[in-house]
Each structure stands twice: as C-alpha cells, then as structure tokens.
Amino acid sequence: MKTLQISLNSIDKVKSFVNAITKFDFDFDLVSGRYVIDAKSIMGIFSLDLSKTIDLNIHAEEGTEEVLALLTDYIV
C-alpha cells in the first residue's frame, strides 16, 4: 500500500481525479480524519472536507508508477 497527500479543492479536479483512477483495477481509499471512502466514488468525495489535504491510499504492491504519473497535479 502506498499513501499520498492530495488536494481536490475544485469540482473539476474531483471529476478529472475520479476519471483518472477508474482506469486502474487497484483499490483506492481517501482518508480524511476518521472517514474512509472509496476514491472512485464522486458522491463519497463530495462528502469530505475538500478545503484540506486528503490522504490517498493506493492498495497495490506493483504498477503504481503509472498511477503516480497521472496524479502529479493532485499531489501536495
């Protein structure tokens, strides 16, 4: 598992983030405080406080380089 801090502070960023990660078969979780939601769920993401940074957990051991390349715009 790999953990990153990301920022999703606009509607367009949330939409493009979800579109980017749905291309992968890995599980992705977003963690904000005590809340853990599926990162592929747009409705779940909007239930979080998007004014703060959010932890992204990528549940994969290999092949995360391509994911990290797509997520460079979101990483804090």
C-alpha atoms as a PDB file:
ATOM      1  CA  MET A   1       0.000   0.000   0.000  1.00  0.00           C
ATOM      2  CA  LYS A   2       1.195   3.495  -0.839  1.00  0.00           C
ATOM      3  CA  THR A   3      -0.114   6.672   0.824  1.00  0.00           C
ATOM      4  CA  LEU A   4      -0.031  10.163  -0.692  1.00  0.00           C
ATOM      5  CA  GLN A   5      -1.417  13.518   0.353  1.00  0.00           C
ATOM      6  CA  ILE A   6      -3.582  15.089  -2.340  1.00  0.00           C
ATOM      7  CA  SER A   7      -5.672  18.199  -2.807  1.00  0.00           C
ATOM      8  CA  LEU A   8      -9.070  18.128  -4.516  1.00  0.00           C
ATOM      9  CA  ASN A   9     -10.161  21.724  -3.996  1.00  0.00           C
ATOM     10  CA  SER A  10     -12.439  22.175  -7.030  1.00  0.00           C
ATOM     11  CA  ILE A  11     -15.248  20.329  -8.777  1.00  0.00           C
ATOM     12  CA  ASP A  12     -13.190  19.975 -11.957  1.00  0.00           C
ATOM     13  CA  LYS A  13     -10.295  18.441 -10.012  1.00  0.00           C
ATOM     14  CA  VAL A  14     -12.607  15.883  -8.392  1.00  0.00           C
ATOM     15  CA  LYS A  15     -14.103  14.917 -11.748  1.00  0.00           C
ATOM     16  CA  SER A  16     -10.739  14.541 -13.510  1.00  0.00           C
ATOM     17  CA  PHE A  17      -9.270  12.683 -10.483  1.00  0.00           C
ATOM     18  CA  VAL A  18     -12.058  10.089 -10.497  1.00  0.00           C
ATOM     19  CA  ASN A  19     -11.807   9.695 -14.281  1.00  0.00           C
ATOM     20  CA  ALA A  20      -8.047   9.115 -13.972  1.00  0.00           C
ATOM     21  CA  ILE A  21      -8.156   6.458 -11.248  1.00  0.00           C
ATOM     22  CA  THR A  22     -11.116   4.479 -12.600  1.00  0.00           C
ATOM     23  CA  LYS A  23      -8.794   3.259 -15.375  1.00  0.00           C
ATOM     24  CA  PHE A  24      -6.961   1.096 -12.830  1.00  0.00           C
ATOM     25  CA  ASP A  25      -8.059  -2.137 -11.153  1.00  0.00           C
ATOM     26  CA  PHE A  26      -6.435  -1.187  -7.839  1.00  0.00           C
ATOM     27  CA  ASP A  27      -8.468  -0.167  -4.816  1.00  0.00           C
ATOM     28  CA  PHE A  28      -8.128   3.475  -3.820  1.00  0.00           C
ATOM     29  CA  ASP A  29      -9.284   4.934  -0.488  1.00  0.00           C
ATOM     30  CA  LEU A  30      -9.460   8.556   0.588  1.00  0.00           C
ATOM     31  CA  VAL A  31      -8.926   9.200   4.293  1.00  0.00           C
ATOM     32  CA  SER A  32      -9.961  12.442   5.949  1.00  0.00           C
ATOM     33  CA  GLY A  33      -9.923  12.351   9.726  1.00  0.00           C
ATOM     34  CA  ARG A  34     -11.935   9.324  10.765  1.00  0.00           C
ATOM     35  CA  TYR A  35     -13.701   8.972   7.410  1.00  0.00           C
ATOM     36  CA  VAL A  36     -12.552   6.464   4.801  1.00  0.00           C
ATOM     37  CA  ILE A  37     -14.303   6.427   1.434  1.00  0.00           C
ATOM     38  CA  ASP A  38     -13.818   4.760  -1.938  1.00  0.00           C
ATOM     39  CA  ALA A  39     -11.815   7.213  -4.072  1.00  0.00           C
ATOM     40  CA  LYS A  40     -13.712   6.135  -7.193  1.00  0.00           C
ATOM     41  CA  SER A  41     -16.972   7.474  -5.726  1.00  0.00           C
ATOM     42  CA  ILE A  42     -17.690  11.072  -6.733  1.00  0.00           C
ATOM     43  CA  MET A  43     -20.528  11.338  -4.212  1.00  0.00           C
ATOM     44  CA  GLY A  44     -18.271   9.993  -1.477  1.00  0.00           C
ATOM     45  CA  ILE A  45     -15.565  12.533  -2.277  1.00  0.00           C
ATOM     46  CA  PHE A  46     -18.038  15.406  -2.032  1.00  0.00           C
ATOM     47  CA  SER A  47     -18.954  14.237   1.483  1.00  0.00           C
ATOM     48  CA  LEU A  48     -15.396  15.108   2.624  1.00  0.00           C
ATOM     49  CA  ASP A  49     -13.972  18.487   3.617  1.00  0.00           C
ATOM     50  CA  LEU A  50     -12.211  19.356   0.361  1.00  0.00           C
ATOM     51  CA  SER A  51     -10.618  22.528   1.742  1.00  0.00           C
ATOM     52  CA  LYS A  52      -7.997  20.354   3.483  1.00  0.00           C
ATOM     53  CA  THR A  53      -5.496  17.859   2.124  1.00  0.00           C
ATOM     54  CA  ILE A  54      -6.689  14.265   1.953  1.00  0.00           C
ATOM     55  CA  ASP A  55      -4.702  11.031   2.265  1.00  0.00           C
ATOM     56  CA  LEU A  56      -4.948   8.728  -0.744  1.00  0.00           C
ATOM     57  CA  ASN A  57      -4.232   5.052  -0.056  1.00  0.00           C
ATOM     58  CA  ILE A  58      -3.350   3.020  -3.139  1.00  0.00           C
ATOM     59  CA  HIS A  59      -3.801  -0.694  -2.451  1.00  0.00           C
ATOM     60  CA  ALA A  60      -1.243  -2.122  -4.872  1.00  0.00           C
ATOM     61  CA  GLU A  61       2.247  -3.506  -4.482  1.00  0.00           C
ATOM     62  CA  GLU A  62       3.388  -3.110  -8.079  1.00  0.00           C
ATOM     63  CA  GLY A  63       2.496  -0.916 -11.035  1.00  0.00           C
ATOM     64  CA  THR A  64       1.922   2.293  -9.108  1.00  0.00           C
ATOM     65  CA  GLU A  65       4.354   4.315 -11.263  1.00  0.00           C
ATOM     66  CA  GLU A  66       1.691   4.904 -13.924  1.00  0.00           C
ATOM     67  CA  VAL A  67      -0.827   5.948 -11.270  1.00  0.00           C
ATOM     68  CA  LEU A  68       1.651   8.391  -9.731  1.00  0.00           C
ATOM     69  CA  ALA A  69       2.368   9.883 -13.149  1.00  0.00           C
ATOM     70  CA  LEU A  70      -1.341  10.588 -13.670  1.00  0.00           C
ATOM     71  CA  LEU A  71      -1.787  12.051 -10.194  1.00  0.00           C
ATOM     72  CA  THR A  72       1.038  14.615 -10.211  1.00  0.00           C
ATOM     73  CA  ASP A  73      -1.448  17.511 -10.496  1.00  0.00           C
ATOM     74  CA  TYR A  74      -3.148  16.464  -7.241  1.00  0.00           C
ATOM     75  CA  ILE A  75      -0.188  15.535  -5.031  1.00  0.00           C
ATOM     76  CA  VAL A  76       0.649  18.098  -2.362  1.00  0.00           C
END
